[in-house]
Amino acid sequence: MRLSIAAITICSFLLSCSTNKIPDVSNIDVKLATERFEKDLFDTTTSNLLTYLKQVNKNSPSFVENYLIKILTVDPSWPSDTAAAYVNGFIKAYRPVYDDAEKIFSDFTPYEKEIKKGLQFVKYYFPHYPLPQKVITYIGPADGYGDILADDALVIGLQHHLGKNNSLYKTTMVQETYPEYISRRFEPDYIAINCLKNIVNDIYPEKQDDKPMINQMLEKGKRLYLLSRLLPETNEYKLIGYKQDQLKDSYDHEAVIWDLFIKNSLLQVTDKNTIKNYVDESPKTQELGEGAPGNIGSFAGWQIIKKYMQKKPATTLQELMNLDTEIIFQEAKYKP
């Protein structure tokens, strides 16, 4: 890490600590167990595969069904021998992926601990939220689902955490679904981030509405701020999905970013396609240059939320998440 980046990180951390002291959650009881479903799937040599699978996860029967139908797209109307042949074909094709995952995740304990720590913060801030009590790991198609929040479990697709340089992510099949600016986050240390993101979106589902750009920027900013409180020791660039230098440049040019929205009268725009260009995943923000990351509206919204919380430090997370974005914008008086 370069000194300049380290300095920014340390300053931001000290500033956040001065206004938002990280609570001690070590004594909060959270039960979490990990089930390695992919081991059962890839280690089996039984000929009666489907019957075997239904017996594998007796504690999670709904997952096995969802895995077969939704993740592997097995048609329930298929004859059992056809379905078994289809699943066996997947196992054969993805054996190298399983082998890579076995090397990387031979010990899943560090990731379970990180997820558990995040859940302790969830319990601290949202004591009535029903926490998942298990983690289920699996391997599915690389161009399909990844990490999922199920009714009773955090479901983690290890095929999306093999390291950004894994050859699997360079294939056309994967790049058409997950281009490089997304697949570069297919690292093991994004497991807890994705799990907590899914919980944030479960507590506060994102709404599809026709509100202006600034409102949607602030809604994204709220979720990033909440995520940062649930994972207070995680680097900010990972929370927003930037590269480390992209976040540094964004802070260095925070005023320029804000001017983009002000000078082009974008804050009150309601056109969905225009809004999408600034608050959704994208490889870059064209107007700011080739090196500028996408999702720049969410970055700006996050900074406005931080500004508001610096001015109103007594605001709880529940109050913040339910607060009208117009009020936040007016009272933050954001001007980088």
C-alpha atoms as a PDB file:
ATOM      1  CA  MET A   1       0.000   0.000   0.000  1.00  0.00           C
ATOM      2  CA  ARG A   2       1.398   3.386  -0.950  1.00  0.00           C
ATOM      3  CA  LEU A   3       1.927   5.913   1.806  1.00  0.00           C
ATOM      4  CA  SER A   4      -0.583   8.392   0.385  1.00  0.00           C
ATOM      5  CA  ILE A   5      -3.344   5.784   0.316  1.00  0.00           C
ATOM      6  CA  ALA A   6      -2.461   4.621   3.791  1.00  0.00           C
ATOM      7  CA  ALA A   7      -2.653   8.176   5.081  1.00  0.00           C
ATOM      8  CA  ILE A   8      -6.109   8.670   3.633  1.00  0.00           C
ATOM      9  CA  THR A   9      -7.277   5.357   5.052  1.00  0.00           C
ATOM     10  CA  ILE A  10      -5.929   6.179   8.505  1.00  0.00           C
ATOM     11  CA  CYS A  11      -7.442   9.669   8.486  1.00  0.00           C
ATOM     12  CA  SER A  12     -10.834   8.366   7.400  1.00  0.00           C
ATOM     13  CA  PHE A  13     -10.688   5.687  10.052  1.00  0.00           C
ATOM     14  CA  LEU A  14      -9.806   8.204  12.794  1.00  0.00           C
ATOM     15  CA  LEU A  15     -12.557  10.537  11.643  1.00  0.00           C
ATOM     16  CA  SER A  16     -15.152   7.770  11.695  1.00  0.00           C
ATOM     17  CA  CYS A  17     -13.948   6.663  15.116  1.00  0.00           C
ATOM     18  CA  SER A  18     -14.289  10.170  16.471  1.00  0.00           C
ATOM     19  CA  THR A  19     -17.958  10.290  15.551  1.00  0.00           C
ATOM     20  CA  ASN A  20     -18.907   6.628  15.452  1.00  0.00           C
ATOM     21  CA  LYS A  21     -17.008   4.591  17.985  1.00  0.00           C
ATOM     22  CA  ILE A  22     -16.997   0.934  16.987  1.00  0.00           C
ATOM     23  CA  PRO A  23     -19.048  -0.921  19.595  1.00  0.00           C
ATOM     24  CA  ASP A  24     -17.746  -4.034  21.313  1.00  0.00           C
ATOM     25  CA  VAL A  25     -19.901  -6.900  20.032  1.00  0.00           C
ATOM     26  CA  SER A  26     -17.699  -9.749  21.208  1.00  0.00           C
ATOM     27  CA  ASN A  27     -20.193 -10.843  23.863  1.00  0.00           C
ATOM     28  CA  ILE A  28     -23.172 -10.959  21.502  1.00  0.00           C
ATOM     29  CA  ASP A  29     -24.147 -14.586  21.035  1.00  0.00           C
ATOM     30  CA  VAL A  30     -24.459 -15.595  17.396  1.00  0.00           C
ATOM     31  CA  LYS A  31     -24.797 -19.227  16.374  1.00  0.00           C
ATOM     32  CA  LEU A  32     -23.395 -20.039  12.961  1.00  0.00           C
ATOM     33  CA  ALA A  33     -22.474 -23.390  11.432  1.00  0.00           C
ATOM     34  CA  THR A  34     -21.019 -24.086   7.996  1.00  0.00           C
ATOM     35  CA  GLU A  35     -22.176 -26.885   5.682  1.00  0.00           C
ATOM     36  CA  ARG A  36     -19.881 -27.711   2.757  1.00  0.00           C
ATOM     37  CA  PHE A  37     -22.464 -28.904   0.246  1.00  0.00           C
ATOM     38  CA  GLU A  38     -19.985 -28.972  -2.650  1.00  0.00           C
ATOM     39  CA  LYS A  39     -17.991 -31.701  -0.887  1.00  0.00           C
ATOM     40  CA  ASP A  40     -21.049 -33.947  -0.772  1.00  0.00           C
ATOM     41  CA  LEU A  41     -21.874 -33.226  -4.389  1.00  0.00           C
ATOM     42  CA  PHE A  42     -18.420 -33.732  -5.877  1.00  0.00           C
ATOM     43  CA  ASP A  43     -17.318 -36.571  -3.616  1.00  0.00           C
ATOM     44  CA  THR A  44     -20.291 -38.821  -4.287  1.00  0.00           C
ATOM     45  CA  THR A  45     -19.906 -41.780  -6.611  1.00  0.00           C
ATOM     46  CA  THR A  46     -23.407 -43.116  -6.106  1.00  0.00           C
ATOM     47  CA  SER A  47     -25.341 -44.117  -9.203  1.00  0.00           C
ATOM     48  CA  ASN A  48     -28.631 -43.045  -7.657  1.00  0.00           C
ATOM     49  CA  LEU A  49     -27.477 -39.420  -7.523  1.00  0.00           C
ATOM     50  CA  LEU A  50     -30.770 -37.583  -7.060  1.00  0.00           C
ATOM     51  CA  THR A  51     -31.913 -39.794  -4.198  1.00  0.00           C
ATOM     52  CA  TYR A  52     -28.520 -39.302  -2.601  1.00  0.00           C
ATOM     53  CA  LEU A  53     -28.703 -35.517  -2.936  1.00  0.00           C
ATOM     54  CA  LYS A  54     -32.075 -35.367  -1.244  1.00  0.00           C
ATOM     55  CA  GLN A  55     -30.523 -37.131   1.725  1.00  0.00           C
ATOM     56  CA  VAL A  56     -27.380 -35.002   1.848  1.00  0.00           C
ATOM     57  CA  ASN A  57     -28.673 -31.892   3.584  1.00  0.00           C
ATOM     58  CA  LYS A  58     -31.338 -33.150   5.936  1.00  0.00           C
ATOM     59  CA  ASN A  59     -31.168 -29.831   7.764  1.00  0.00           C
ATOM     60  CA  SER A  60     -31.540 -27.857   4.530  1.00  0.00           C
ATOM     61  CA  PRO A  61     -33.877 -29.787   2.238  1.00  0.00           C
ATOM     62  CA  SER A  62     -35.081 -26.597   0.562  1.00  0.00           C
ATOM     63  CA  PHE A  63     -31.523 -25.756  -0.493  1.00  0.00           C
ATOM     64  CA  VAL A  64     -30.998 -29.057  -2.266  1.00  0.00           C
ATOM     65  CA  GLU A  65     -34.220 -28.556  -4.208  1.00  0.00           C
ATOM     66  CA  ASN A  66     -33.335 -24.962  -5.067  1.00  0.00           C
ATOM     67  CA  TYR A  67     -29.817 -25.982  -6.023  1.00  0.00           C
ATOM     68  CA  LEU A  68     -31.056 -28.556  -8.505  1.00  0.00           C
ATOM     69  CA  ILE A  69     -33.896 -26.522  -9.982  1.00  0.00           C
ATOM     70  CA  LYS A  70     -32.747 -22.894  -9.779  1.00  0.00           C
ATOM     71  CA  ILE A  71     -28.956 -23.112  -9.799  1.00  0.00           C
ATOM     72  CA  LEU A  72     -28.368 -26.133 -12.027  1.00  0.00           C
ATOM     73  CA  THR A  73     -31.660 -25.562 -13.906  1.00  0.00           C
ATOM     74  CA  VAL A  74     -32.758 -29.203 -13.657  1.00  0.00           C
ATOM     75  CA  ASP A  75     -36.298 -29.448 -15.036  1.00  0.00           C
ATOM     76  CA  PRO A  76     -38.548 -31.150 -12.433  1.00  0.00           C
ATOM     77  CA  SER A  77     -40.427 -32.849 -15.267  1.00  0.00           C
ATOM     78  CA  TRP A  78     -37.330 -34.694 -16.490  1.00  0.00           C
ATOM     79  CA  PRO A  79     -37.091 -38.445 -15.863  1.00  0.00           C
ATOM     80  CA  SER A  80     -34.780 -39.203 -12.936  1.00  0.00           C
ATOM     81  CA  ASP A  81     -32.126 -40.821 -15.150  1.00  0.00           C
ATOM     82  CA  THR A  82     -32.058 -37.747 -17.417  1.00  0.00           C
ATOM     83  CA  ALA A  83     -31.748 -35.411 -14.441  1.00  0.00           C
ATOM     84  CA  ALA A  84     -29.002 -37.554 -12.880  1.00  0.00           C
ATOM     85  CA  ALA A  85     -27.055 -37.619 -16.151  1.00  0.00           C
ATOM     86  CA  TYR A  86     -27.350 -33.830 -16.390  1.00  0.00           C
ATOM     87  CA  VAL A  87     -26.054 -33.310 -12.841  1.00  0.00           C
ATOM     88  CA  ASN A  88     -23.260 -35.824 -13.359  1.00  0.00           C
ATOM     89  CA  GLY A  89     -22.280 -33.935 -16.509  1.00  0.00           C
ATOM     90  CA  PHE A  90     -22.008 -30.736 -14.465  1.00  0.00           C
ATOM     91  CA  ILE A  91     -19.887 -32.501 -11.834  1.00  0.00           C
ATOM     92  CA  LYS A  92     -17.502 -33.773 -14.505  1.00  0.00           C
ATOM     93  CA  ALA A  93     -17.223 -30.399 -16.241  1.00  0.00           C
ATOM     94  CA  TYR A  94     -16.683 -28.480 -12.998  1.00  0.00           C
ATOM     95  CA  ARG A  95     -14.263 -30.896 -11.351  1.00  0.00           C
ATOM     96  CA  PRO A  96     -11.324 -28.471 -11.955  1.00  0.00           C
ATOM     97  CA  VAL A  97     -13.334 -25.660 -10.329  1.00  0.00           C
ATOM     98  CA  TYR A  98     -14.020 -27.875  -7.336  1.00  0.00           C
ATOM     99  CA  ASP A  99     -10.337 -28.759  -7.109  1.00  0.00           C
ATOM    100  CA  ASP A 100      -9.387 -25.055  -7.072  1.00  0.00           C
ATOM    101  CA  ALA A 101     -11.977 -24.360  -4.385  1.00  0.00           C
ATOM    102  CA  GLU A 102     -10.677 -27.242  -2.286  1.00  0.00           C
ATOM    103  CA  LYS A 103      -7.212 -25.710  -2.284  1.00  0.00           C
ATOM    104  CA  ILE A 104      -8.389 -22.199  -1.480  1.00  0.00           C
ATOM    105  CA  PHE A 105     -11.062 -23.136   1.056  1.00  0.00           C
ATOM    106  CA  SER A 106      -9.532 -26.189   2.687  1.00  0.00           C
ATOM    107  CA  ASP A 107     -10.208 -24.300   5.926  1.00  0.00           C
ATOM    108  CA  PHE A 108     -13.321 -22.148   5.793  1.00  0.00           C
ATOM    109  CA  THR A 109     -13.024 -21.075   9.450  1.00  0.00           C
ATOM    110  CA  PRO A 110     -11.546 -17.586   8.791  1.00  0.00           C
ATOM    111  CA  TYR A 111     -14.454 -16.705   6.516  1.00  0.00           C
ATOM    112  CA  GLU A 112     -17.016 -18.075   8.945  1.00  0.00           C
ATOM    113  CA  LYS A 113     -15.482 -15.949  11.702  1.00  0.00           C
ATOM    114  CA  GLU A 114     -15.639 -12.810   9.567  1.00  0.00           C
ATOM    115  CA  ILE A 115     -19.274 -13.460   8.670  1.00  0.00           C
ATOM    116  CA  LYS A 116     -20.090 -14.157  12.311  1.00  0.00           C
ATOM    117  CA  LYS A 117     -18.508 -10.872  13.386  1.00  0.00           C
ATOM    118  CA  GLY A 118     -20.675  -9.070  10.841  1.00  0.00           C
ATOM    119  CA  LEU A 119     -23.757 -10.838  12.178  1.00  0.00           C
ATOM    120  CA  GLN A 120     -22.853  -9.711  15.680  1.00  0.00           C
ATOM    121  CA  PHE A 121     -23.000  -6.124  14.453  1.00  0.00           C
ATOM    122  CA  VAL A 122     -26.332  -6.853  12.762  1.00  0.00           C
ATOM    123  CA  LYS A 123     -27.665  -8.165  16.074  1.00  0.00           C
ATOM    124  CA  TYR A 124     -26.282  -5.137  17.899  1.00  0.00           C
ATOM    125  CA  TYR A 125     -27.946  -2.601  15.607  1.00  0.00           C
ATOM    126  CA  PHE A 126     -31.027  -4.644  14.648  1.00  0.00           C
ATOM    127  CA  PRO A 127     -31.756  -6.933  17.639  1.00  0.00           C
ATOM    128  CA  HIS A 128     -35.072  -8.138  16.237  1.00  0.00           C
ATOM    129  CA  TYR A 129     -33.751  -9.188  12.843  1.00  0.00           C
ATOM    130  CA  PRO A 130     -33.808 -13.011  12.530  1.00  0.00           C
ATOM    131  CA  LEU A 131     -30.224 -13.955  11.763  1.00  0.00           C
ATOM    132  CA  PRO A 132     -29.344 -16.908   9.520  1.00  0.00           C
ATOM    133  CA  GLN A 133     -27.784 -19.657  11.614  1.00  0.00           C
ATOM    134  CA  LYS A 134     -25.884 -21.480   8.925  1.00  0.00           C
ATOM    135  CA  VAL A 135     -23.617 -20.968   5.973  1.00  0.00           C
ATOM    136  CA  ILE A 136     -23.960 -23.308   3.000  1.00  0.00           C
ATOM    137  CA  THR A 137     -21.149 -23.360   0.459  1.00  0.00           C
ATOM    138  CA  TYR A 138     -21.698 -24.735  -3.036  1.00  0.00           C
ATOM    139  CA  ILE A 139     -20.317 -24.713  -6.557  1.00  0.00           C
ATOM    140  CA  GLY A 140     -22.596 -23.786  -9.418  1.00  0.00           C
ATOM    141  CA  PRO A 141     -22.273 -22.555 -13.000  1.00  0.00           C
ATOM    142  CA  ALA A 142     -19.769 -19.695 -13.191  1.00  0.00           C
ATOM    143  CA  ASP A 143     -22.170 -17.594 -15.273  1.00  0.00           C
ATOM    144  CA  GLY A 144     -25.044 -18.128 -12.838  1.00  0.00           C
ATOM    145  CA  TYR A 145     -25.916 -17.318  -9.242  1.00  0.00           C
ATOM    146  CA  GLY A 146     -23.283 -16.380  -6.676  1.00  0.00           C
ATOM    147  CA  ASP A 147     -23.936 -15.500  -3.037  1.00  0.00           C
ATOM    148  CA  ILE A 148     -27.541 -15.736  -1.888  1.00  0.00           C
ATOM    149  CA  LEU A 149     -29.531 -15.041   1.257  1.00  0.00           C
ATOM    150  CA  ALA A 150     -31.975 -17.921   1.731  1.00  0.00           C
ATOM    151  CA  ASP A 151     -34.711 -18.233   4.337  1.00  0.00           C
ATOM    152  CA  ASP A 152     -32.453 -19.929   6.849  1.00  0.00           C
ATOM    153  CA  ALA A 153     -28.919 -19.619   5.494  1.00  0.00           C
ATOM    154  CA  LEU A 154     -26.222 -17.556   3.841  1.00  0.00           C
ATOM    155  CA  VAL A 155     -25.495 -19.455   0.635  1.00  0.00           C
ATOM    156  CA  ILE A 156     -22.059 -18.901  -0.865  1.00  0.00           C
ATOM    157  CA  GLY A 157     -21.096 -19.799  -4.417  1.00  0.00           C
ATOM    158  CA  LEU A 158     -17.403 -20.612  -4.170  1.00  0.00           C
ATOM    159  CA  GLN A 159     -17.099 -20.526  -7.964  1.00  0.00           C
ATOM    160  CA  HIS A 160     -17.217 -16.721  -7.591  1.00  0.00           C
ATOM    161  CA  HIS A 161     -14.385 -16.524  -5.059  1.00  0.00           C
ATOM    162  CA  LEU A 162     -11.439 -18.307  -6.682  1.00  0.00           C
ATOM    163  CA  GLY A 163      -9.306 -15.192  -7.212  1.00  0.00           C
ATOM    164  CA  LYS A 164      -9.631 -12.607  -9.969  1.00  0.00           C
ATOM    165  CA  ASN A 165      -6.905 -14.218 -12.098  1.00  0.00           C
ATOM    166  CA  ASN A 166      -8.528 -17.635 -12.227  1.00  0.00           C
ATOM    167  CA  SER A 167      -8.754 -18.751 -15.848  1.00  0.00           C
ATOM    168  CA  LEU A 168     -12.451 -19.512 -15.426  1.00  0.00           C
ATOM    169  CA  TYR A 169     -13.233 -15.792 -15.318  1.00  0.00           C
ATOM    170  CA  LYS A 170     -11.421 -15.107 -18.579  1.00  0.00           C
ATOM    171  CA  THR A 171     -13.754 -17.325 -20.597  1.00  0.00           C
ATOM    172  CA  THR A 172     -16.292 -15.734 -22.920  1.00  0.00           C
ATOM    173  CA  MET A 173     -19.108 -17.548 -21.114  1.00  0.00           C
ATOM    174  CA  VAL A 174     -18.323 -15.805 -17.824  1.00  0.00           C
ATOM    175  CA  GLN A 175     -17.273 -12.442 -19.288  1.00  0.00           C
ATOM    176  CA  GLU A 176     -20.645 -12.081 -21.020  1.00  0.00           C
ATOM    177  CA  THR A 177     -22.340 -12.221 -17.618  1.00  0.00           C
ATOM    178  CA  TYR A 178     -19.608 -10.921 -15.326  1.00  0.00           C
ATOM    179  CA  PRO A 179     -17.196  -8.588 -17.142  1.00  0.00           C
ATOM    180  CA  GLU A 180     -13.768  -7.853 -15.699  1.00  0.00           C
ATOM    181  CA  TYR A 181     -14.836  -4.870 -13.579  1.00  0.00           C
ATOM    182  CA  ILE A 182     -17.113  -7.261 -11.694  1.00  0.00           C
ATOM    183  CA  SER A 183     -15.077 -10.482 -11.830  1.00  0.00           C
ATOM    184  CA  ARG A 184     -12.026  -8.746 -10.344  1.00  0.00           C
ATOM    185  CA  ARG A 185     -14.005  -8.885  -7.088  1.00  0.00           C
ATOM    186  CA  PHE A 186     -14.285 -12.670  -7.308  1.00  0.00           C
ATOM    187  CA  GLU A 187     -11.872 -12.971  -4.422  1.00  0.00           C
ATOM    188  CA  PRO A 188     -12.200 -14.898  -1.129  1.00  0.00           C
ATOM    189  CA  ASP A 189     -12.214 -11.695   0.930  1.00  0.00           C
ATOM    190  CA  TYR A 190     -15.469 -10.543  -0.674  1.00  0.00           C
ATOM    191  CA  ILE A 191     -17.417 -13.418   0.905  1.00  0.00           C
ATOM    192  CA  ALA A 192     -18.365 -11.576   4.098  1.00  0.00           C
ATOM    193  CA  ILE A 193     -19.027  -8.360   2.167  1.00  0.00           C
ATOM    194  CA  ASN A 194     -21.501 -10.073  -0.143  1.00  0.00           C
ATOM    195  CA  CYS A 195     -23.196 -11.838   2.773  1.00  0.00           C
ATOM    196  CA  LEU A 196     -23.688  -8.596   4.681  1.00  0.00           C
ATOM    197  CA  LYS A 197     -24.803  -6.753   1.530  1.00  0.00           C
ATOM    198  CA  ASN A 198     -27.544  -9.332   1.096  1.00  0.00           C
ATOM    199  CA  ILE A 199     -28.632  -8.817   4.698  1.00  0.00           C
ATOM    200  CA  VAL A 200     -28.668  -5.031   4.279  1.00  0.00           C
ATOM    201  CA  ASN A 201     -30.905  -5.430   1.226  1.00  0.00           C
ATOM    202  CA  ASP A 202     -33.121  -7.827   3.150  1.00  0.00           C
ATOM    203  CA  ILE A 203     -33.603  -5.415   6.044  1.00  0.00           C
ATOM    204  CA  TYR A 204     -34.052  -2.468   3.699  1.00  0.00           C
ATOM    205  CA  PRO A 205     -35.068  -3.725   0.241  1.00  0.00           C
ATOM    206  CA  GLU A 206     -34.137  -1.422  -2.593  1.00  0.00           C
ATOM    207  CA  LYS A 207     -37.172   0.263  -4.085  1.00  0.00           C
ATOM    208  CA  GLN A 208     -37.712   0.789  -7.767  1.00  0.00           C
ATOM    209  CA  ASP A 209     -39.229   4.238  -8.000  1.00  0.00           C
ATOM    210  CA  ASP A 210     -39.266   7.350 -10.146  1.00  0.00           C
ATOM    211  CA  LYS A 211     -37.546   9.629  -7.652  1.00  0.00           C
ATOM    212  CA  PRO A 212     -34.859  12.024  -8.895  1.00  0.00           C
ATOM    213  CA  MET A 213     -31.180  11.164  -9.156  1.00  0.00           C
ATOM    214  CA  ILE A 214     -30.215  12.741  -5.819  1.00  0.00           C
ATOM    215  CA  ASN A 215     -32.742  10.626  -3.921  1.00  0.00           C
ATOM    216  CA  GLN A 216     -31.431   7.442  -5.474  1.00  0.00           C
ATOM    217  CA  MET A 217     -27.835   8.498  -4.863  1.00  0.00           C
ATOM    218  CA  LEU A 218     -28.650   8.929  -1.187  1.00  0.00           C
ATOM    219  CA  GLU A 219     -30.484   5.610  -0.974  1.00  0.00           C
ATOM    220  CA  LYS A 220     -27.361   3.907  -2.317  1.00  0.00           C
ATOM    221  CA  GLY A 221     -25.274   5.973   0.076  1.00  0.00           C
ATOM    222  CA  LYS A 222     -27.398   4.853   3.021  1.00  0.00           C
ATOM    223  CA  ARG A 223     -26.739   1.208   2.210  1.00  0.00           C
ATOM    224  CA  LEU A 224     -23.013   1.771   1.846  1.00  0.00           C
ATOM    225  CA  TYR A 225     -22.939   3.610   5.162  1.00  0.00           C
ATOM    226  CA  LEU A 226     -24.872   0.817   6.867  1.00  0.00           C
ATOM    227  CA  LEU A 227     -22.585  -1.805   5.324  1.00  0.00           C
ATOM    228  CA  SER A 228     -19.561   0.090   6.647  1.00  0.00           C
ATOM    229  CA  ARG A 229     -21.023  -0.050  10.152  1.00  0.00           C
ATOM    230  CA  LEU A 230     -21.627  -3.792   9.907  1.00  0.00           C
ATOM    231  CA  LEU A 231     -18.093  -4.369   8.583  1.00  0.00           C
ATOM    232  CA  PRO A 232     -16.190  -1.537  10.279  1.00  0.00           C
ATOM    233  CA  GLU A 233     -12.759  -3.086   9.758  1.00  0.00           C
ATOM    234  CA  THR A 234     -13.201  -3.656   6.008  1.00  0.00           C
ATOM    235  CA  ASN A 235     -11.526  -1.281   3.562  1.00  0.00           C
ATOM    236  CA  GLU A 236     -13.955   1.163   2.000  1.00  0.00           C
ATOM    237  CA  TYR A 237     -12.852   0.445  -1.562  1.00  0.00           C
ATOM    238  CA  LYS A 238     -14.009  -3.141  -1.157  1.00  0.00           C
ATOM    239  CA  LEU A 239     -17.390  -2.087   0.220  1.00  0.00           C
ATOM    240  CA  ILE A 240     -18.163  -0.026  -2.871  1.00  0.00           C
ATOM    241  CA  GLY A 241     -16.393  -2.417  -5.239  1.00  0.00           C
ATOM    242  CA  TYR A 242     -13.666  -0.076  -6.464  1.00  0.00           C
ATOM    243  CA  LYS A 243      -9.995  -0.696  -6.908  1.00  0.00           C
ATOM    244  CA  GLN A 244      -7.889   0.840  -4.156  1.00  0.00           C
ATOM    245  CA  ASP A 245      -6.501   3.582  -6.400  1.00  0.00           C
ATOM    246  CA  GLN A 246      -9.974   4.327  -7.782  1.00  0.00           C
ATOM    247  CA  LEU A 247     -11.253   5.169  -4.319  1.00  0.00           C
ATOM    248  CA  LYS A 248      -8.190   7.302  -3.597  1.00  0.00           C
ATOM    249  CA  ASP A 249      -8.720   9.211  -6.855  1.00  0.00           C
ATOM    250  CA  SER A 250     -12.413   9.631  -6.045  1.00  0.00           C
ATOM    251  CA  TYR A 251     -11.550  11.247  -2.724  1.00  0.00           C
ATOM    252  CA  ASP A 252      -8.851  13.369  -4.382  1.00  0.00           C
ATOM    253  CA  HIS A 253     -11.410  14.589  -6.930  1.00  0.00           C
ATOM    254  CA  GLU A 254     -14.493  14.657  -4.730  1.00  0.00           C
ATOM    255  CA  ALA A 255     -15.272  18.271  -5.676  1.00  0.00           C
ATOM    256  CA  VAL A 256     -14.915  17.476  -9.393  1.00  0.00           C
ATOM    257  CA  ILE A 257     -17.319  14.549  -9.007  1.00  0.00           C
ATOM    258  CA  TRP A 258     -19.873  16.744  -7.293  1.00  0.00           C
ATOM    259  CA  ASP A 259     -19.468  19.427  -9.967  1.00  0.00           C
ATOM    260  CA  LEU A 260     -20.367  16.818 -12.579  1.00  0.00           C
ATOM    261  CA  PHE A 261     -23.822  16.513 -11.033  1.00  0.00           C
ATOM    262  CA  ILE A 262     -24.261  20.227 -10.306  1.00  0.00           C
ATOM    263  CA  LYS A 263     -23.039  21.721 -13.577  1.00  0.00           C
ATOM    264  CA  ASN A 264     -24.980  19.203 -15.679  1.00  0.00           C
ATOM    265  CA  SER A 265     -28.154  19.664 -13.610  1.00  0.00           C
ATOM    266  CA  LEU A 266     -28.314  15.946 -12.912  1.00  0.00           C
ATOM    267  CA  LEU A 267     -29.599  15.924  -9.338  1.00  0.00           C
ATOM    268  CA  GLN A 268     -33.260  16.269 -10.275  1.00  0.00           C
ATOM    269  CA  VAL A 269     -33.144  14.073 -13.377  1.00  0.00           C
ATOM    270  CA  THR A 270     -35.741  11.257 -13.322  1.00  0.00           C
ATOM    271  CA  ASP A 271     -34.841   9.453 -16.556  1.00  0.00           C
ATOM    272  CA  LYS A 272     -34.080   5.864 -15.542  1.00  0.00           C
ATOM    273  CA  ASN A 273     -31.370   5.285 -18.141  1.00  0.00           C
ATOM    274  CA  THR A 274     -29.520   8.435 -17.109  1.00  0.00           C
ATOM    275  CA  ILE A 275     -29.748   7.534 -13.427  1.00  0.00           C
ATOM    276  CA  LYS A 276     -28.566   4.009 -14.149  1.00  0.00           C
ATOM    277  CA  ASN A 277     -25.378   5.425 -15.672  1.00  0.00           C
ATOM    278  CA  TYR A 278     -24.373   6.876 -12.320  1.00  0.00           C
ATOM    279  CA  VAL A 279     -25.777   4.653  -9.575  1.00  0.00           C
ATOM    280  CA  ASP A 280     -25.485   1.167 -11.081  1.00  0.00           C
ATOM    281  CA  GLU A 281     -22.538  -1.097 -11.786  1.00  0.00           C
ATOM    282  CA  SER A 282     -20.495   0.060 -14.769  1.00  0.00           C
ATOM    283  CA  PRO A 283     -16.830  -0.048 -15.819  1.00  0.00           C
ATOM    284  CA  LYS A 284     -16.270   3.721 -15.752  1.00  0.00           C
ATOM    285  CA  THR A 285     -17.794   7.196 -15.640  1.00  0.00           C
ATOM    286  CA  GLN A 286     -17.099   8.457 -19.147  1.00  0.00           C
ATOM    287  CA  GLU A 287     -17.371  12.171 -18.319  1.00  0.00           C
ATOM    288  CA  LEU A 288     -14.637  11.895 -15.668  1.00  0.00           C
ATOM    289  CA  GLY A 289     -12.108  10.063 -17.828  1.00  0.00           C
ATOM    290  CA  GLU A 290     -11.043   6.532 -18.599  1.00  0.00           C
ATOM    291  CA  GLY A 291      -9.733   5.823 -15.101  1.00  0.00           C
ATOM    292  CA  ALA A 292     -12.835   7.003 -13.246  1.00  0.00           C
ATOM    293  CA  PRO A 293     -14.872   4.156 -11.748  1.00  0.00           C
ATOM    294  CA  GLY A 294     -18.548   3.609 -12.421  1.00  0.00           C
ATOM    295  CA  ASN A 295     -21.224   3.879  -9.758  1.00  0.00           C
ATOM    296  CA  ILE A 296     -19.914   7.355  -8.994  1.00  0.00           C
ATOM    297  CA  GLY A 297     -23.353   8.576  -7.916  1.00  0.00           C
ATOM    298  CA  SER A 298     -23.331   6.024  -5.103  1.00  0.00           C
ATOM    299  CA  PHE A 299     -19.915   7.274  -4.011  1.00  0.00           C
ATOM    300  CA  ALA A 300     -21.215  10.860  -3.859  1.00  0.00           C
ATOM    301  CA  GLY A 301     -24.360   9.737  -2.049  1.00  0.00           C
ATOM    302  CA  TRP A 302     -22.212   7.911   0.507  1.00  0.00           C
ATOM    303  CA  GLN A 303     -20.215  11.080   1.211  1.00  0.00           C
ATOM    304  CA  ILE A 304     -23.419  13.069   1.737  1.00  0.00           C
ATOM    305  CA  ILE A 305     -24.647  10.463   4.228  1.00  0.00           C
ATOM    306  CA  LYS A 306     -21.324  10.660   6.077  1.00  0.00           C
ATOM    307  CA  LYS A 307     -21.625  14.449   6.181  1.00  0.00           C
ATOM    308  CA  TYR A 308     -25.133  14.203   7.588  1.00  0.00           C
ATOM    309  CA  MET A 309     -24.093  11.697  10.251  1.00  0.00           C
ATOM    310  CA  GLN A 310     -21.170  13.913  11.272  1.00  0.00           C
ATOM    311  CA  LYS A 311     -23.663  16.698  11.875  1.00  0.00           C
ATOM    312  CA  LYS A 312     -26.262  14.432  13.494  1.00  0.00           C
ATOM    313  CA  PRO A 313     -24.181  11.820  15.347  1.00  0.00           C
ATOM    314  CA  ALA A 314     -27.064  10.818  17.628  1.00  0.00           C
ATOM    315  CA  THR A 315     -29.013   9.476  14.637  1.00  0.00           C
ATOM    316  CA  THR A 316     -29.429   5.710  14.890  1.00  0.00           C
ATOM    317  CA  LEU A 317     -28.986   3.495  11.864  1.00  0.00           C
ATOM    318  CA  GLN A 318     -32.688   2.675  11.889  1.00  0.00           C
ATOM    319  CA  GLU A 319     -33.519   6.385  11.920  1.00  0.00           C
ATOM    320  CA  LEU A 320     -31.061   7.068   9.119  1.00  0.00           C
ATOM    321  CA  MET A 321     -32.390   4.296   6.904  1.00  0.00           C
ATOM    322  CA  ASN A 322     -35.974   5.472   7.365  1.00  0.00           C
ATOM    323  CA  LEU A 323     -35.196   9.175   7.035  1.00  0.00           C
ATOM    324  CA  ASP A 324     -36.471  11.025   3.993  1.00  0.00           C
ATOM    325  CA  THR A 325     -33.605  11.637   1.590  1.00  0.00           C
ATOM    326  CA  GLU A 326     -34.748  15.217   0.978  1.00  0.00           C
ATOM    327  CA  ILE A 327     -34.233  15.984   4.659  1.00  0.00           C
ATOM    328  CA  ILE A 328     -30.798  14.376   4.607  1.00  0.00           C
ATOM    329  CA  PHE A 329     -29.751  16.354   1.548  1.00  0.00           C
ATOM    330  CA  GLN A 330     -30.960  19.689   2.905  1.00  0.00           C
ATOM    331  CA  GLU A 331     -29.440  19.247   6.360  1.00  0.00           C
ATOM    332  CA  ALA A 332     -26.134  17.749   5.245  1.00  0.00           C
ATOM    333  CA  LYS A 333     -25.292  20.905   3.269  1.00  0.00           C
ATOM    334  CA  TYR A 334     -22.728  18.880   1.365  1.00  0.00           C
ATOM    335  CA  LYS A 335     -20.141  20.925  -0.498  1.00  0.00           C
ATOM    336  CA  PRO A 336     -16.774  19.223  -1.006  1.00  0.00           C
END
